[in-house]
Amino acid sequence: MQYLLLMCCDETAEPRPEDDCRVPGPGADALAVWVGETEARGVRLLSGARLVLGAEAKTVRDRRGELLVTDGPFAETKDLVAGFEVIECTGLDEAVEVASRHPSARTGKIEVRRVFNDEVG
């Protein structure tokens, strides 16, 4: 089964150097360790990326043919999606275990969601 891991963080908070995966250093090293451990346990990493700040985002809606575009993400919280990983593993329990070891879980939160697939009930 495939799962989407949504890395959420407070974009107003300055990351600690040891947790910042965006630049070379301890945070990036921790991410590389997570990737290695995840692959070693047989979980496939299918895709993933860090995202630019939400301030650069646009939110798009179509309301009865009227296009509504607003600046920034639509969120009623300071926690915004900062990145994602798509993994393939045996089930939700394993996906949660994998997510719990991701460096982003230490400073933010990770939402784990199964990818909809017509072949899986």
PDB file of N, CA and C in Angstrom:
ATOM      1  N   MET A   1       0.829  -1.185   0.000  1.00  0.00           N
ATOM      2  CA  MET A   1       0.000   0.000   0.000  1.00  0.00           C
ATOM      3  C   MET A   1       0.873   1.248   0.000  1.00  0.00           C
ATOM      4  N   GLN A   2       0.349   2.299  -0.580  1.00  0.00           N
ATOM      5  CA  GLN A   2       1.084   3.563  -0.632  1.00  0.00           C
ATOM      6  C   GLN A   2       0.508   4.545   0.381  1.00  0.00           C
ATOM      7  N   TYR A   3       1.407   5.306   0.999  1.00  0.00           N
ATOM      8  CA  TYR A   3       1.023   6.307   1.995  1.00  0.00           C
ATOM      9  C   TYR A   3       1.719   7.621   1.691  1.00  0.00           C
ATOM     10  N   LEU A   4       0.980   8.703   1.910  1.00  0.00           N
ATOM     11  CA  LEU A   4       1.516  10.042   1.787  1.00  0.00           C
ATOM     12  C   LEU A   4       1.854  10.526   3.181  1.00  0.00           C
ATOM     13  N   LEU A   5       3.097  10.963   3.363  1.00  0.00           N
ATOM     14  CA  LEU A   5       3.518  11.561   4.623  1.00  0.00           C
ATOM     15  C   LEU A   5       3.603  13.066   4.386  1.00  0.00           C
ATOM     16  N   LEU A   6       2.740  13.825   5.030  1.00  0.00           N
ATOM     17  CA  LEU A   6       2.743  15.283   4.903  1.00  0.00           C
ATOM     18  C   LEU A   6       3.506  15.864   6.088  1.00  0.00           C
ATOM     19  N   MET A   7       4.647  16.495   5.807  1.00  0.00           N
ATOM     20  CA  MET A   7       5.439  17.106   6.845  1.00  0.00           C
ATOM     21  C   MET A   7       4.892  18.501   7.113  1.00  0.00           C
ATOM     22  N   CYS A   8       4.420  18.736   8.320  1.00  0.00           N
ATOM     23  CA  CYS A   8       3.833  20.020   8.680  1.00  0.00           C
ATOM     24  C   CYS A   8       4.701  20.692   9.736  1.00  0.00           C
ATOM     25  N   CYS A   9       4.864  21.998   9.577  1.00  0.00           N
ATOM     26  CA  CYS A   9       5.668  22.732  10.549  1.00  0.00           C
ATOM     27  C   CYS A   9       5.121  24.140  10.700  1.00  0.00           C
ATOM     28  N   ASP A  10       5.576  24.807  11.726  1.00  0.00           N
ATOM     29  CA  ASP A  10       5.252  26.207  11.953  1.00  0.00           C
ATOM     30  C   ASP A  10       6.247  27.026  11.142  1.00  0.00           C
ATOM     31  N   GLU A  11       5.786  27.613  10.042  1.00  0.00           N
ATOM     32  CA  GLU A  11       6.704  28.353   9.170  1.00  0.00           C
ATOM     33  C   GLU A  11       7.244  29.620   9.817  1.00  0.00           C
ATOM     34  N   THR A  12       6.629  30.059  10.911  1.00  0.00           N
ATOM     35  CA  THR A  12       7.128  31.267  11.576  1.00  0.00           C
ATOM     36  C   THR A  12       8.278  30.947  12.524  1.00  0.00           C
ATOM     37  N   ALA A  13       8.476  29.675  12.832  1.00  0.00           N
ATOM     38  CA  ALA A  13       9.547  29.272  13.748  1.00  0.00           C
ATOM     39  C   ALA A  13      10.846  29.055  12.977  1.00  0.00           C
ATOM     40  N   GLU A  14      11.935  29.515  13.508  1.00  0.00           N
ATOM     41  CA  GLU A  14      13.250  29.302  12.902  1.00  0.00           C
ATOM     42  C   GLU A  14      13.731  27.901  13.273  1.00  0.00           C
ATOM     43  N   PRO A  15      14.032  27.051  12.275  1.00  0.00           N
ATOM     44  CA  PRO A  15      14.478  25.699  12.618  1.00  0.00           C
ATOM     45  C   PRO A  15      15.840  25.719  13.300  1.00  0.00           C
ATOM     46  N   ARG A  16      16.010  24.803  14.241  1.00  0.00           N
ATOM     47  CA  ARG A  16      17.315  24.638  14.875  1.00  0.00           C
ATOM     48  C   ARG A  16      18.265  24.042  13.837  1.00  0.00           C
ATOM     49  N   PRO A  17      19.535  24.431  13.837  1.00  0.00           N
ATOM     50  CA  PRO A  17      20.477  23.894  12.835  1.00  0.00           C
ATOM     51  C   PRO A  17      20.490  22.372  12.771  1.00  0.00           C
ATOM     52  N   GLU A  18      20.350  21.715  13.910  1.00  0.00           N
ATOM     53  CA  GLU A  18      20.397  20.252  13.911  1.00  0.00           C
ATOM     54  C   GLU A  18      19.141  19.617  13.318  1.00  0.00           C
ATOM     55  N   ASP A  19      18.093  20.418  13.096  1.00  0.00           N
ATOM     56  CA  ASP A  19      16.855  19.891  12.533  1.00  0.00           C
ATOM     57  C   ASP A  19      16.553  20.410  11.129  1.00  0.00           C
ATOM     58  N   ASP A  20      17.372  21.325  10.620  1.00  0.00           N
ATOM     59  CA  ASP A  20      17.096  21.945   9.324  1.00  0.00           C
ATOM     60  C   ASP A  20      17.582  21.035   8.195  1.00  0.00           C
ATOM     61  N   CYS A  21      16.646  20.386   7.502  1.00  0.00           N
ATOM     62  CA  CYS A  21      16.973  19.448   6.425  1.00  0.00           C
ATOM     63  C   CYS A  21      17.228  20.158   5.098  1.00  0.00           C
ATOM     64  N   ARG A  22      17.018  21.480   5.057  1.00  0.00           N
ATOM     65  CA  ARG A  22      17.101  22.210   3.785  1.00  0.00           C
ATOM     66  C   ARG A  22      18.524  22.547   3.381  1.00  0.00           C
ATOM     67  N   VAL A  23      19.450  22.491   4.314  1.00  0.00           N
ATOM     68  CA  VAL A  23      20.832  22.875   4.032  1.00  0.00           C
ATOM     69  C   VAL A  23      21.773  21.766   4.495  1.00  0.00           C
ATOM     70  N   PRO A  24      22.975  21.695   3.914  1.00  0.00           N
ATOM     71  CA  PRO A  24      23.939  20.683   4.388  1.00  0.00           C
ATOM     72  C   PRO A  24      24.214  20.867   5.872  1.00  0.00           C
ATOM     73  N   GLY A  25      24.325  19.770   6.566  1.00  0.00           N
ATOM     74  CA  GLY A  25      24.604  19.823   8.001  1.00  0.00           C
ATOM     75  C   GLY A  25      23.877  18.709   8.720  1.00  0.00           C
ATOM     76  N   PRO A  26      23.757  18.827  10.045  1.00  0.00           N
ATOM     77  CA  PRO A  26      23.170  17.749  10.845  1.00  0.00           C
ATOM     78  C   PRO A  26      21.744  17.373  10.452  1.00  0.00           C
ATOM     79  N   GLY A  27      20.922  18.359  10.103  1.00  0.00           N
ATOM     80  CA  GLY A  27      19.540  18.053   9.710  1.00  0.00           C
ATOM     81  C   GLY A  27      19.486  17.239   8.437  1.00  0.00           C
ATOM     82  N   ALA A  28      20.277  17.640   7.454  1.00  0.00           N
ATOM     83  CA  ALA A  28      20.336  16.899   6.192  1.00  0.00           C
ATOM     84  C   ALA A  28      20.917  15.507   6.427  1.00  0.00           C
ATOM     85  N   ASP A  29      21.890  15.411   7.316  1.00  0.00           N
ATOM     86  CA  ASP A  29      22.470  14.113   7.652  1.00  0.00           C
ATOM     87  C   ASP A  29      21.420  13.202   8.293  1.00  0.00           C
ATOM     88  N   ALA A  30      20.586  13.770   9.184  1.00  0.00           N
ATOM     89  CA  ALA A  30      19.531  12.991   9.832  1.00  0.00           C
ATOM     90  C   ALA A  30      18.524  12.490   8.804  1.00  0.00           C
ATOM     91  N   LEU A  31      18.223  13.313   7.818  1.00  0.00           N
ATOM     92  CA  LEU A  31      17.306  12.900   6.763  1.00  0.00           C
ATOM     93  C   LEU A  31      17.918  11.755   5.948  1.00  0.00           C
ATOM     94  N   ALA A  32      19.201  11.846   5.637  1.00  0.00           N
ATOM     95  CA  ALA A  32      19.875  10.781   4.887  1.00  0.00           C
ATOM     96  C   ALA A  32      19.862   9.474   5.673  1.00  0.00           C
ATOM     97  N   VAL A  33      20.042   9.544   6.982  1.00  0.00           N
ATOM     98  CA  VAL A  33      19.988   8.346   7.829  1.00  0.00           C
ATOM     99  C   VAL A  33      18.583   7.748   7.779  1.00  0.00           C
ATOM    100  N   TRP A  34      17.551   8.600   7.868  1.00  0.00           N
ATOM    101  CA  TRP A  34      16.174   8.128   7.800  1.00  0.00           C
ATOM    102  C   TRP A  34      15.906   7.424   6.477  1.00  0.00           C
ATOM    103  N   VAL A  35      16.364   7.999   5.384  1.00  0.00           N
ATOM    104  CA  VAL A  35      16.182   7.380   4.065  1.00  0.00           C
ATOM    105  C   VAL A  35      16.844   6.005   4.042  1.00  0.00           C
ATOM    106  N   GLY A  36      18.077   5.918   4.506  1.00  0.00           N
ATOM    107  CA  GLY A  36      18.790   4.646   4.520  1.00  0.00           C
ATOM    108  C   GLY A  36      18.100   3.590   5.367  1.00  0.00           C
ATOM    109  N   GLU A  37      17.665   3.972   6.575  1.00  0.00           N
ATOM    110  CA  GLU A  37      16.986   3.028   7.465  1.00  0.00           C
ATOM    111  C   GLU A  37      15.643   2.588   6.879  1.00  0.00           C
ATOM    112  N   THR A  38      14.943   3.528   6.266  1.00  0.00           N
ATOM    113  CA  THR A  38      13.636   3.220   5.687  1.00  0.00           C
ATOM    114  C   THR A  38      13.777   2.226   4.543  1.00  0.00           C
ATOM    115  N   GLU A  39      14.726   2.473   3.658  1.00  0.00           N
ATOM    116  CA  GLU A  39      14.954   1.558   2.538  1.00  0.00           C
ATOM    117  C   GLU A  39      15.464   0.206   3.021  1.00  0.00           C
ATOM    118  N   ALA A  40      16.295   0.188   4.069  1.00  0.00           N
ATOM    119  CA  ALA A  40      16.841  -1.055   4.592  1.00  0.00           C
ATOM    120  C   ALA A  40      15.747  -1.960   5.164  1.00  0.00           C
ATOM    121  N   ARG A  41      14.662  -1.385   5.656  1.00  0.00           N
ATOM    122  CA  ARG A  41      13.582  -2.206   6.209  1.00  0.00           C
ATOM    123  C   ARG A  41      12.617  -2.674   5.129  1.00  0.00           C
ATOM    124  N   GLY A  42      12.900  -2.318   3.863  1.00  0.00           N
ATOM    125  CA  GLY A  42      12.096  -2.793   2.748  1.00  0.00           C
ATOM    126  C   GLY A  42      10.977  -1.859   2.326  1.00  0.00           C
ATOM    127  N   VAL A  43      10.919  -0.674   2.933  1.00  0.00           N
ATOM    128  CA  VAL A  43       9.911   0.312   2.545  1.00  0.00           C
ATOM    129  C   VAL A  43      10.440   1.072   1.338  1.00  0.00           C
ATOM    130  N   ARG A  44       9.608   1.176   0.298  1.00  0.00           N
ATOM    131  CA  ARG A  44      10.023   1.895  -0.910  1.00  0.00           C
ATOM    132  C   ARG A  44       9.663   3.369  -0.780  1.00  0.00           C
ATOM    133  N   LEU A  45      10.652   4.230  -1.058  1.00  0.00           N
ATOM    134  CA  LEU A  45      10.402   5.667  -1.140  1.00  0.00           C
ATOM    135  C   LEU A  45      10.097   5.974  -2.594  1.00  0.00           C
ATOM    136  N   LEU A  46       8.872   6.328  -2.883  1.00  0.00           N
ATOM    137  CA  LEU A  46       8.440   6.527  -4.265  1.00  0.00           C
ATOM    138  C   LEU A  46       8.645   7.954  -4.745  1.00  0.00           C
ATOM    139  N   SER A  47       8.526   8.911  -3.844  1.00  0.00           N
ATOM    140  CA  SER A  47       8.650  10.314  -4.219  1.00  0.00           C
ATOM    141  C   SER A  47       8.774  11.134  -2.950  1.00  0.00           C
ATOM    142  N   GLY A  48       9.255  12.346  -3.098  1.00  0.00           N
ATOM    143  CA  GLY A  48       9.319  13.246  -1.955  1.00  0.00           C
ATOM    144  C   GLY A  48       9.984  14.544  -2.341  1.00  0.00           C
ATOM    145  N   ALA A  49       9.648  15.586  -1.611  1.00  0.00           N
ATOM    146  CA  ALA A  49      10.250  16.890  -1.866  1.00  0.00           C
ATOM    147  C   ALA A  49       9.950  17.828  -0.716  1.00  0.00           C
ATOM    148  N   ARG A  50      10.810  18.795  -0.533  1.00  0.00           N
ATOM    149  CA  ARG A  50      10.543  19.896   0.388  1.00  0.00           C
ATOM    150  C   ARG A  50       9.809  20.961  -0.415  1.00  0.00           C
ATOM    151  N   LEU A  51       8.994  21.748   0.221  1.00  0.00           N
ATOM    152  CA  LEU A  51       8.224  22.780  -0.460  1.00  0.00           C
ATOM    153  C   LEU A  51       8.710  24.171  -0.058  1.00  0.00           C
ATOM    154  N   VAL A  52       8.559  25.135  -0.975  1.00  0.00           N
ATOM    155  CA  VAL A  52       8.919  26.522  -0.656  1.00  0.00           C
ATOM    156  C   VAL A  52       7.905  27.066   0.343  1.00  0.00           C
ATOM    157  N   LEU A  53       8.213  28.202   0.917  1.00  0.00           N
ATOM    158  CA  LEU A  53       7.356  28.794   1.938  1.00  0.00           C
ATOM    159  C   LEU A  53       5.934  29.019   1.431  1.00  0.00           C
ATOM    160  N   GLY A  54       4.988  28.883   2.342  1.00  0.00           N
ATOM    161  CA  GLY A  54       3.591  29.068   2.001  1.00  0.00           C
ATOM    162  C   GLY A  54       3.270  30.461   1.499  1.00  0.00           C
ATOM    163  N   ALA A  55       4.077  31.444   1.854  1.00  0.00           N
ATOM    164  CA  ALA A  55       3.842  32.818   1.399  1.00  0.00           C
ATOM    165  C   ALA A  55       3.904  32.922  -0.123  1.00  0.00           C
ATOM    166  N   GLU A  56       4.580  31.984  -0.763  1.00  0.00           N
ATOM    167  CA  GLU A  56       4.683  31.986  -2.223  1.00  0.00           C
ATOM    168  C   GLU A  56       3.559  31.195  -2.887  1.00  0.00           C
ATOM    169  N   ALA A  57       2.691  30.597  -2.090  1.00  0.00           N
ATOM    170  CA  ALA A  57       1.620  29.751  -2.619  1.00  0.00           C
ATOM    171  C   ALA A  57       0.423  30.580  -3.071  1.00  0.00           C
ATOM    172  N   LYS A  58      -0.410  29.965  -3.865  1.00  0.00           N
ATOM    173  CA  LYS A  58      -1.704  30.504  -4.270  1.00  0.00           C
ATOM    174  C   LYS A  58      -2.743  29.431  -3.952  1.00  0.00           C
ATOM    175  N   THR A  59      -3.898  29.857  -3.483  1.00  0.00           N
ATOM    176  CA  THR A  59      -5.009  28.942  -3.263  1.00  0.00           C
ATOM    177  C   THR A  59      -6.045  29.212  -4.341  1.00  0.00           C
ATOM    178  N   VAL A  60      -6.454  28.170  -5.034  1.00  0.00           N
ATOM    179  CA  VAL A  60      -7.352  28.289  -6.186  1.00  0.00           C
ATOM    180  C   VAL A  60      -8.667  27.591  -5.866  1.00  0.00           C
ATOM    181  N   ARG A  61      -9.764  28.275  -6.155  1.00  0.00           N
ATOM    182  CA  ARG A  61     -11.105  27.716  -5.981  1.00  0.00           C
ATOM    183  C   ARG A  61     -11.948  28.060  -7.215  1.00  0.00           C
ATOM    184  N   ASP A  62     -12.857  27.178  -7.550  1.00  0.00           N
ATOM    185  CA  ASP A  62     -13.845  27.460  -8.592  1.00  0.00           C
ATOM    186  C   ASP A  62     -15.203  27.390  -7.908  1.00  0.00           C
ATOM    187  N   ARG A  63     -15.890  28.510  -7.863  1.00  0.00           N
ATOM    188  CA  ARG A  63     -17.215  28.569  -7.251  1.00  0.00           C
ATOM    189  C   ARG A  63     -18.226  28.964  -8.315  1.00  0.00           C
ATOM    190  N   ARG A  64     -18.920  27.930  -8.816  1.00  0.00           N
ATOM    191  CA  ARG A  64     -19.940  28.125  -9.846  1.00  0.00           C
ATOM    192  C   ARG A  64     -19.390  28.877 -11.049  1.00  0.00           C
ATOM    193  N   GLY A  65     -18.214  28.473 -11.483  1.00  0.00           N
ATOM    194  CA  GLY A  65     -17.598  29.067 -12.659  1.00  0.00           C
ATOM    195  C   GLY A  65     -16.788  30.316 -12.391  1.00  0.00           C
ATOM    196  N   GLU A  66     -16.807  30.803 -11.155  1.00  0.00           N
ATOM    197  CA  GLU A  66     -16.003  31.981 -10.808  1.00  0.00           C
ATOM    198  C   GLU A  66     -14.677  31.515 -10.210  1.00  0.00           C
ATOM    199  N   LEU A  67     -13.592  31.951 -10.837  1.00  0.00           N
ATOM    200  CA  LEU A  67     -12.262  31.585 -10.360  1.00  0.00           C
ATOM    201  C   LEU A  67     -11.866  32.521  -9.224  1.00  0.00           C
ATOM    202  N   LEU A  68     -11.541  31.932  -8.082  1.00  0.00           N
ATOM    203  CA  LEU A  68     -11.095  32.695  -6.918  1.00  0.00           C
ATOM    204  C   LEU A  68      -9.660  32.286  -6.613  1.00  0.00           C
ATOM    205  N   VAL A  69      -8.754  33.245  -6.662  1.00  0.00           N
ATOM    206  CA  VAL A  69      -7.343  32.990  -6.375  1.00  0.00           C
ATOM    207  C   VAL A  69      -6.924  33.908  -5.242  1.00  0.00           C
ATOM    208  N   THR A  70      -6.385  33.308  -4.173  1.00  0.00           N
ATOM    209  CA  THR A  70      -5.904  34.106  -3.047  1.00  0.00           C
ATOM    210  C   THR A  70      -4.442  33.802  -2.811  1.00  0.00           C
ATOM    211  N   ASP A  71      -3.760  34.763  -2.215  1.00  0.00           N
ATOM    212  CA  ASP A  71      -2.348  34.585  -1.898  1.00  0.00           C
ATOM    213  C   ASP A  71      -2.199  33.672  -0.697  1.00  0.00           C
ATOM    214  N   GLY A  72      -1.173  32.846  -0.748  1.00  0.00           N
ATOM    215  CA  GLY A  72      -0.833  31.985   0.374  1.00  0.00           C
ATOM    216  C   GLY A  72      -1.686  30.736   0.452  1.00  0.00           C
ATOM    217  N   PRO A  73      -1.335  29.865   1.388  1.00  0.00           N
ATOM    218  CA  PRO A  73      -2.114  28.640   1.594  1.00  0.00           C
ATOM    219  C   PRO A  73      -3.386  28.969   2.361  1.00  0.00           C
ATOM    220  N   PHE A  74      -4.394  28.140   2.187  1.00  0.00           N
ATOM    221  CA  PHE A  74      -5.613  28.295   2.972  1.00  0.00           C
ATOM    222  C   PHE A  74      -5.482  27.381   4.170  1.00  0.00           C
ATOM    223  N   ALA A  75      -5.173  27.947   5.297  1.00  0.00           N
ATOM    224  CA  ALA A  75      -5.010  27.159   6.515  1.00  0.00           C
ATOM    225  C   ALA A  75      -5.449  28.005   7.699  1.00  0.00           C
ATOM    226  N   GLU A  76      -6.154  27.396   8.617  1.00  0.00           N
ATOM    227  CA  GLU A  76      -6.580  28.102   9.819  1.00  0.00           C
ATOM    228  C   GLU A  76      -5.678  27.726  10.983  1.00  0.00           C
ATOM    229  N   THR A  77      -4.434  27.511  10.682  1.00  0.00           N
ATOM    230  CA  THR A  77      -3.445  27.140  11.673  1.00  0.00           C
ATOM    231  C   THR A  77      -2.098  27.661  11.224  1.00  0.00           C
ATOM    232  N   LYS A  78      -1.155  27.780  12.143  1.00  0.00           N
ATOM    233  CA  LYS A  78       0.178  28.221  11.734  1.00  0.00           C
ATOM    234  C   LYS A  78       1.000  27.065  11.175  1.00  0.00           C
ATOM    235  N   ASP A  79       0.531  25.827  11.367  1.00  0.00           N
ATOM    236  CA  ASP A  79       1.223  24.669  10.807  1.00  0.00           C
ATOM    237  C   ASP A  79       0.864  24.516   9.339  1.00  0.00           C
ATOM    238  N   LEU A  80       1.863  24.558   8.485  1.00  0.00           N
ATOM    239  CA  LEU A  80       1.661  24.439   7.047  1.00  0.00           C
ATOM    240  C   LEU A  80       2.472  23.282   6.501  1.00  0.00           C
ATOM    241  N   VAL A  81       2.050  22.750   5.354  1.00  0.00           N
ATOM    242  CA  VAL A  81       2.763  21.640   4.730  1.00  0.00           C
ATOM    243  C   VAL A  81       4.109  22.151   4.227  1.00  0.00           C
ATOM    244  N   ALA A  82       5.177  21.530   4.692  1.00  0.00           N
ATOM    245  CA  ALA A  82       6.534  21.936   4.335  1.00  0.00           C
ATOM    246  C   ALA A  82       7.192  20.957   3.370  1.00  0.00           C
ATOM    247  N   GLY A  83       6.608  19.775   3.218  1.00  0.00           N
ATOM    248  CA  GLY A  83       7.177  18.773   2.331  1.00  0.00           C
ATOM    249  C   GLY A  83       6.339  17.513   2.372  1.00  0.00           C
ATOM    250  N   PHE A  84       6.762  16.531   1.581  1.00  0.00           N
ATOM    251  CA  PHE A  84       6.010  15.279   1.529  1.00  0.00           C
ATOM    252  C   PHE A  84       6.931  14.143   1.123  1.00  0.00           C
ATOM    253  N   GLU A  85       6.503  12.953   1.478  1.00  0.00           N
ATOM    254  CA  GLU A  85       7.130  11.713   1.020  1.00  0.00           C
ATOM    255  C   GLU A  85       5.993  10.778   0.642  1.00  0.00           C
ATOM    256  N   VAL A  86       6.177   9.992  -0.390  1.00  0.00           N
ATOM    257  CA  VAL A  86       5.239   8.922  -0.723  1.00  0.00           C
ATOM    258  C   VAL A  86       6.007   7.624  -0.535  1.00  0.00           C
ATOM    259  N   ILE A  87       5.467   6.764   0.319  1.00  0.00           N
ATOM    260  CA  ILE A  87       6.131   5.496   0.609  1.00  0.00           C
ATOM    261  C   ILE A  87       5.206   4.343   0.249  1.00  0.00           C
ATOM    262  N   GLU A  88       5.805   3.185   0.041  1.00  0.00           N
ATOM    263  CA  GLU A  88       5.044   1.958  -0.182  1.00  0.00           C
ATOM    264  C   GLU A  88       5.483   0.974   0.880  1.00  0.00           C
ATOM    265  N   CYS A  89       4.523   0.498   1.674  1.00  0.00           N
ATOM    266  CA  CYS A  89       4.849  -0.424   2.758  1.00  0.00           C
ATOM    267  C   CYS A  89       3.667  -1.367   2.992  1.00  0.00           C
ATOM    268  N   THR A  90       3.746  -2.169   4.042  1.00  0.00           N
ATOM    269  CA  THR A  90       2.765  -3.222   4.261  1.00  0.00           C
ATOM    270  C   THR A  90       1.427  -2.727   4.792  1.00  0.00           C
ATOM    271  N   GLY A  91       1.410  -1.598   5.483  1.00  0.00           N
ATOM    272  CA  GLY A  91       0.139  -1.119   6.033  1.00  0.00           C
ATOM    273  C   GLY A  91       0.325   0.123   6.877  1.00  0.00           C
ATOM    274  N   LEU A  92      -0.779   0.562   7.470  1.00  0.00           N
ATOM    275  CA  LEU A  92      -0.782   1.809   8.233  1.00  0.00           C
ATOM    276  C   LEU A  92       0.170   1.769   9.424  1.00  0.00           C
ATOM    277  N   ASP A  93       0.217   0.657  10.132  1.00  0.00           N
ATOM    278  CA  ASP A  93       1.106   0.579  11.291  1.00  0.00           C
ATOM    279  C   ASP A  93       2.558   0.813  10.895  1.00  0.00           C
ATOM    280  N   GLU A  94       2.988   0.198   9.795  1.00  0.00           N
ATOM    281  CA  GLU A  94       4.364   0.400   9.347  1.00  0.00           C
ATOM    282  C   GLU A  94       4.566   1.834   8.865  1.00  0.00           C
ATOM    283  N   ALA A  95       3.587   2.396   8.181  1.00  0.00           N
ATOM    284  CA  ALA A  95       3.703   3.785   7.716  1.00  0.00           C
ATOM    285  C   ALA A  95       3.860   4.744   8.895  1.00  0.00           C
ATOM    286  N   VAL A  96       3.105   4.517   9.953  1.00  0.00           N
ATOM    287  CA  VAL A  96       3.216   5.348  11.158  1.00  0.00           C
ATOM    288  C   VAL A  96       4.595   5.191  11.789  1.00  0.00           C
ATOM    289  N   GLU A  97       5.082   3.960  11.853  1.00  0.00           N
ATOM    290  CA  GLU A  97       6.417   3.716  12.413  1.00  0.00           C
ATOM    291  C   GLU A  97       7.487   4.451  11.606  1.00  0.00           C
ATOM    292  N   VAL A  98       7.406   4.364  10.282  1.00  0.00           N
ATOM    293  CA  VAL A  98       8.365   5.048   9.407  1.00  0.00           C
ATOM    294  C   VAL A  98       8.278   6.555   9.615  1.00  0.00           C
ATOM    295  N   ALA A  99       7.058   7.090   9.665  1.00  0.00           N
ATOM    296  CA  ALA A  99       6.871   8.533   9.864  1.00  0.00           C
ATOM    297  C   ALA A  99       7.422   8.982  11.211  1.00  0.00           C
ATOM    298  N   SER A 100       7.270   8.150  12.228  1.00  0.00           N
ATOM    299  CA  SER A 100       7.725   8.531  13.573  1.00  0.00           C
ATOM    300  C   SER A 100       9.239   8.710  13.651  1.00  0.00           C
ATOM    301  N   ARG A 101       9.956   8.109  12.722  1.00  0.00           N
ATOM    302  CA  ARG A 101      11.417   8.202  12.725  1.00  0.00           C
ATOM    303  C   ARG A 101      11.936   9.322  11.814  1.00  0.00           C
ATOM    304  N   HIS A 102      11.056   9.961  11.064  1.00  0.00           N
ATOM    305  CA  HIS A 102      11.469  11.046  10.167  1.00  0.00           C
ATOM    306  C   HIS A 102      11.905  12.252  11.009  1.00  0.00           C
ATOM    307  N   PRO A 103      12.990  12.920  10.625  1.00  0.00           N
ATOM    308  CA  PRO A 103      13.459  14.084  11.398  1.00  0.00           C
ATOM    309  C   PRO A 103      12.396  15.161  11.591  1.00  0.00           C
ATOM    310  N   SER A 104      11.480  15.315  10.665  1.00  0.00           N
ATOM    311  CA  SER A 104      10.445  16.342  10.792  1.00  0.00           C
ATOM    312  C   SER A 104       9.481  16.071  11.949  1.00  0.00           C
ATOM    313  N   ALA A 105       9.395  14.831  12.393  1.00  0.00           N
ATOM    314  CA  ALA A 105       8.509  14.503  13.506  1.00  0.00           C
ATOM    315  C   ALA A 105       9.013  15.113  14.813  1.00  0.00           C
ATOM    316  N   ARG A 106      10.303  15.429  14.889  1.00  0.00           N
ATOM    317  CA  ARG A 106      10.876  16.000  16.119  1.00  0.00           C
ATOM    318  C   ARG A 106      10.486  17.456  16.326  1.00  0.00           C
ATOM    319  N   THR A 107      10.281  18.191  15.247  1.00  0.00           N
ATOM    320  CA  THR A 107      10.030  19.628  15.378  1.00  0.00           C
ATOM    321  C   THR A 107       8.653  20.044  14.886  1.00  0.00           C
ATOM    322  N   GLY A 108       7.999  19.197  14.135  1.00  0.00           N
ATOM    323  CA  GLY A 108       6.672  19.508  13.616  1.00  0.00           C
ATOM    324  C   GLY A 108       5.775  18.321  13.815  1.00  0.00           C
ATOM    325  N   LYS A 109       4.982  18.032  12.812  1.00  0.00           N
ATOM    326  CA  LYS A 109       4.137  16.841  12.866  1.00  0.00           C
ATOM    327  C   LYS A 109       4.030  16.277  11.461  1.00  0.00           C
ATOM    328  N   ILE A 110       3.687  15.002  11.391  1.00  0.00           N
ATOM    329  CA  ILE A 110       3.553  14.328  10.104  1.00  0.00           C
ATOM    330  C   ILE A 110       2.173  13.692  10.040  1.00  0.00           C
ATOM    331  N   GLU A 111       1.431  14.055   9.017  1.00  0.00           N
ATOM    332  CA  GLU A 111       0.134  13.435   8.776  1.00  0.00           C
ATOM    333  C   GLU A 111       0.365  12.260   7.832  1.00  0.00           C
ATOM    334  N   VAL A 112      -0.159  11.109   8.184  1.00  0.00           N
ATOM    335  CA  VAL A 112       0.000   9.887   7.384  1.00  0.00           C
ATOM    336  C   VAL A 112      -1.356   9.542   6.775  1.00  0.00           C
ATOM    337  N   ARG A 113      -1.403   9.459   5.443  1.00  0.00           N
ATOM    338  CA  ARG A 113      -2.660   9.153   4.761  1.00  0.00           C
ATOM    339  C   ARG A 113      -2.428   8.125   3.669  1.00  0.00           C
ATOM    340  N   ARG A 114      -3.313   7.125   3.629  1.00  0.00           N
ATOM    341  CA  ARG A 114      -3.215   6.111   2.580  1.00  0.00           C
ATOM    342  C   ARG A 114      -3.619   6.742   1.254  1.00  0.00           C
ATOM    343  N   VAL A 115      -2.870   6.421   0.215  1.00  0.00           N
ATOM    344  CA  VAL A 115      -3.181   6.895  -1.127  1.00  0.00           C
ATOM    345  C   VAL A 115      -4.330   6.049  -1.651  1.00  0.00           C
ATOM    346  N   PHE A 116      -5.368   6.706  -2.137  1.00  0.00           N
ATOM    347  CA  PHE A 116      -6.532   5.996  -2.658  1.00  0.00           C
ATOM    348  C   PHE A 116      -6.123   5.179  -3.871  1.00  0.00           C
ATOM    349  N   ASN A 117      -6.567   3.935  -3.886  1.00  0.00           N
ATOM    350  CA  ASN A 117      -6.264   3.034  -4.981  1.00  0.00           C
ATOM    351  C   ASN A 117      -7.485   2.144  -5.173  1.00  0.00           C
ATOM    352  N   ASP A 118      -8.032   2.101  -6.375  1.00  0.00           N
ATOM    353  CA  ASP A 118      -9.227   1.317  -6.640  1.00  0.00           C
ATOM    354  C   ASP A 118      -9.049  -0.170  -6.322  1.00  0.00           C
ATOM    355  N   GLU A 119      -7.811  -0.644  -6.360  1.00  0.00           N
ATOM    356  CA  GLU A 119      -7.564  -2.067  -6.131  1.00  0.00           C
ATOM    357  C   GLU A 119      -7.539  -2.414  -4.657  1.00  0.00           C
ATOM    358  N   VAL A 120      -7.431  -1.412  -3.785  1.00  0.00           N
ATOM    359  CA  VAL A 120      -7.353  -1.652  -2.348  1.00  0.00           C
ATOM    360  C   VAL A 120      -8.664  -1.199  -1.717  1.00  0.00           C
ATOM    361  N   GLY A 121      -9.278  -2.060  -0.923  1.00  0.00           N
ATOM    362  CA  GLY A 121     -10.565  -1.755  -0.307  1.00  0.00           C
ATOM    363  C   GLY A 121     -10.416  -0.725   0.709  1.00  0.00           C
TER     364      GLY A 121
END
